[in-house]
Amino acid sequence: MARNSPAARAGLRGSELDGDGNLSKLGDIITTVNGQATPNADAVIRAIREAQVGERVTLGYVRAGQSAQVEVTLVARSSVPDLRE
């Protein structure tokens, strides 16, 4: 997860990689966007792309077997330093 992104500031946790770039720890699993089920990563991406910059979206997620929700305000990709190309 990009440092200082809206998701990170909201407390969501990304997956972690070991020194060889292999997945070592699974992060939060997003299960809904604005109450709509997101059965896979593609569905999460599609749902978020349908929203506009500045819009608040509610993400349902699972962490360590516990369900929770968080509200995130979407920003332009260029405003997150780790996502700039």
C-alpha atoms as a PDB file:
ATOM      1  CA  MET A   1       0.000   0.000   0.000  1.00  0.00           C
ATOM      2  CA  ALA A   2       1.283   3.434  -0.857  1.00  0.00           C
ATOM      3  CA  ARG A   3       2.516   5.400   2.128  1.00  0.00           C
ATOM      4  CA  ASN A   4       0.376   8.419   2.998  1.00  0.00           C
ATOM      5  CA  SER A   5      -2.412   7.295   0.653  1.00  0.00           C
ATOM      6  CA  PRO A   6      -6.019   7.842   1.771  1.00  0.00           C
ATOM      7  CA  ALA A   7      -6.307   4.094   2.478  1.00  0.00           C
ATOM      8  CA  ALA A   8      -3.157   4.106   4.629  1.00  0.00           C
ATOM      9  CA  ARG A   9      -4.295   7.233   6.501  1.00  0.00           C
ATOM     10  CA  ALA A  10      -7.646   5.516   7.152  1.00  0.00           C
ATOM     11  CA  GLY A  11      -5.768   2.655   8.829  1.00  0.00           C
ATOM     12  CA  LEU A  12      -5.995  -0.018   6.135  1.00  0.00           C
ATOM     13  CA  ARG A  13      -3.037  -2.389   6.013  1.00  0.00           C
ATOM     14  CA  GLY A  14      -1.442  -3.698   2.834  1.00  0.00           C
ATOM     15  CA  SER A  15       0.286  -7.012   2.249  1.00  0.00           C
ATOM     16  CA  GLU A  16       3.949  -7.338   3.171  1.00  0.00           C
ATOM     17  CA  LEU A  17       6.784  -8.785   1.118  1.00  0.00           C
ATOM     18  CA  ASP A  18       9.971 -10.415   2.360  1.00  0.00           C
ATOM     19  CA  GLY A  19      13.453  -9.412   1.228  1.00  0.00           C
ATOM     20  CA  ASP A  20      13.107 -11.556  -1.896  1.00  0.00           C
ATOM     21  CA  GLY A  21       9.825  -9.921  -2.914  1.00  0.00           C
ATOM     22  CA  ASN A  22       7.674 -12.880  -1.872  1.00  0.00           C
ATOM     23  CA  LEU A  23       4.386 -12.392  -0.043  1.00  0.00           C
ATOM     24  CA  SER A  24       5.066 -12.834   3.666  1.00  0.00           C
ATOM     25  CA  LYS A  25       1.941 -11.366   5.272  1.00  0.00           C
ATOM     26  CA  LEU A  26      -1.544 -10.820   3.892  1.00  0.00           C
ATOM     27  CA  GLY A  27      -3.032  -7.373   4.379  1.00  0.00           C
ATOM     28  CA  ASP A  28      -6.647  -6.325   4.800  1.00  0.00           C
ATOM     29  CA  ILE A  29      -9.096  -7.929   2.371  1.00  0.00           C
ATOM     30  CA  ILE A  30     -11.606  -5.461   0.910  1.00  0.00           C
ATOM     31  CA  THR A  31     -14.988  -7.157   0.677  1.00  0.00           C
ATOM     32  CA  THR A  32     -17.326  -4.269  -0.187  1.00  0.00           C
ATOM     33  CA  VAL A  33     -17.243  -0.808  -1.724  1.00  0.00           C
ATOM     34  CA  ASN A  34     -20.204   1.384  -0.728  1.00  0.00           C
ATOM     35  CA  GLY A  35     -22.072  -1.714   0.387  1.00  0.00           C
ATOM     36  CA  GLN A  36     -21.613  -3.605  -2.884  1.00  0.00           C
ATOM     37  CA  ALA A  37     -19.839  -6.962  -2.642  1.00  0.00           C
ATOM     38  CA  THR A  38     -16.401  -7.104  -4.266  1.00  0.00           C
ATOM     39  CA  PRO A  39     -15.496 -10.784  -4.702  1.00  0.00           C
ATOM     40  CA  ASN A  40     -12.033 -10.079  -6.132  1.00  0.00           C
ATOM     41  CA  ALA A  41      -9.449  -7.336  -6.672  1.00  0.00           C
ATOM     42  CA  ASP A  42     -10.796  -6.491 -10.132  1.00  0.00           C
ATOM     43  CA  ALA A  43     -14.232  -5.765  -8.644  1.00  0.00           C
ATOM     44  CA  VAL A  44     -12.664  -3.496  -6.005  1.00  0.00           C
ATOM     45  CA  ILE A  45     -10.739  -1.566  -8.659  1.00  0.00           C
ATOM     46  CA  ARG A  46     -13.809  -1.222 -10.900  1.00  0.00           C
ATOM     47  CA  ALA A  47     -15.972   0.030  -8.034  1.00  0.00           C
ATOM     48  CA  ILE A  48     -13.418   2.619  -6.949  1.00  0.00           C
ATOM     49  CA  ARG A  49     -12.835   3.806 -10.514  1.00  0.00           C
ATOM     50  CA  GLU A  50     -16.573   4.476 -10.836  1.00  0.00           C
ATOM     51  CA  ALA A  51     -16.282   7.047  -8.031  1.00  0.00           C
ATOM     52  CA  GLN A  52     -14.924  10.568  -8.492  1.00  0.00           C
ATOM     53  CA  VAL A  53     -11.911  12.296  -6.940  1.00  0.00           C
ATOM     54  CA  GLY A  54     -13.085  13.941  -3.730  1.00  0.00           C
ATOM     55  CA  GLU A  55     -15.879  11.420  -3.206  1.00  0.00           C
ATOM     56  CA  ARG A  56     -16.011   9.472   0.054  1.00  0.00           C
ATOM     57  CA  VAL A  57     -16.353   5.706  -0.293  1.00  0.00           C
ATOM     58  CA  THR A  58     -17.031   3.178   2.422  1.00  0.00           C
ATOM     59  CA  LEU A  59     -14.805   0.118   2.278  1.00  0.00           C
ATOM     60  CA  GLY A  60     -15.754  -3.063   4.087  1.00  0.00           C
ATOM     61  CA  TYR A  61     -12.762  -5.232   4.895  1.00  0.00           C
ATOM     62  CA  VAL A  62     -11.596  -8.250   6.848  1.00  0.00           C
ATOM     63  CA  ARG A  63      -8.493  -8.220   9.044  1.00  0.00           C
ATOM     64  CA  ALA A  64      -7.466 -11.285  11.031  1.00  0.00           C
ATOM     65  CA  GLY A  65     -10.946 -12.747  10.633  1.00  0.00           C
ATOM     66  CA  GLN A  66     -12.728  -9.615  11.890  1.00  0.00           C
ATOM     67  CA  SER A  67     -14.976  -7.515   9.629  1.00  0.00           C
ATOM     68  CA  ALA A  68     -14.831  -3.730   9.772  1.00  0.00           C
ATOM     69  CA  GLN A  69     -15.575  -0.648   7.668  1.00  0.00           C
ATOM     70  CA  VAL A  70     -13.705   2.548   6.978  1.00  0.00           C
ATOM     71  CA  GLU A  71     -14.508   5.682   5.010  1.00  0.00           C
ATOM     72  CA  VAL A  72     -11.908   6.923   2.518  1.00  0.00           C
ATOM     73  CA  THR A  73     -11.885  10.136   0.496  1.00  0.00           C
ATOM     74  CA  LEU A  74     -10.558   9.531  -3.013  1.00  0.00           C
ATOM     75  CA  VAL A  75      -7.709  11.705  -4.290  1.00  0.00           C
ATOM     76  CA  ALA A  76      -5.950  12.055  -7.625  1.00  0.00           C
ATOM     77  CA  ARG A  77      -3.215   9.479  -8.161  1.00  0.00           C
ATOM     78  CA  SER A  78      -0.701  12.275  -8.759  1.00  0.00           C
ATOM     79  CA  SER A  79      -1.258  13.561  -5.202  1.00  0.00           C
ATOM     80  CA  VAL A  80       0.160  10.360  -3.648  1.00  0.00           C
ATOM     81  CA  PRO A  81       3.984  10.509  -3.949  1.00  0.00           C
ATOM     82  CA  ASP A  82       4.472   6.696  -3.959  1.00  0.00           C
ATOM     83  CA  LEU A  83       2.090   6.365  -6.929  1.00  0.00           C
ATOM     84  CA  ARG A  84       3.626   9.025  -9.147  1.00  0.00           C
ATOM     85  CA  GLU A  85       5.254   7.707 -12.288  1.00  0.00           C
END
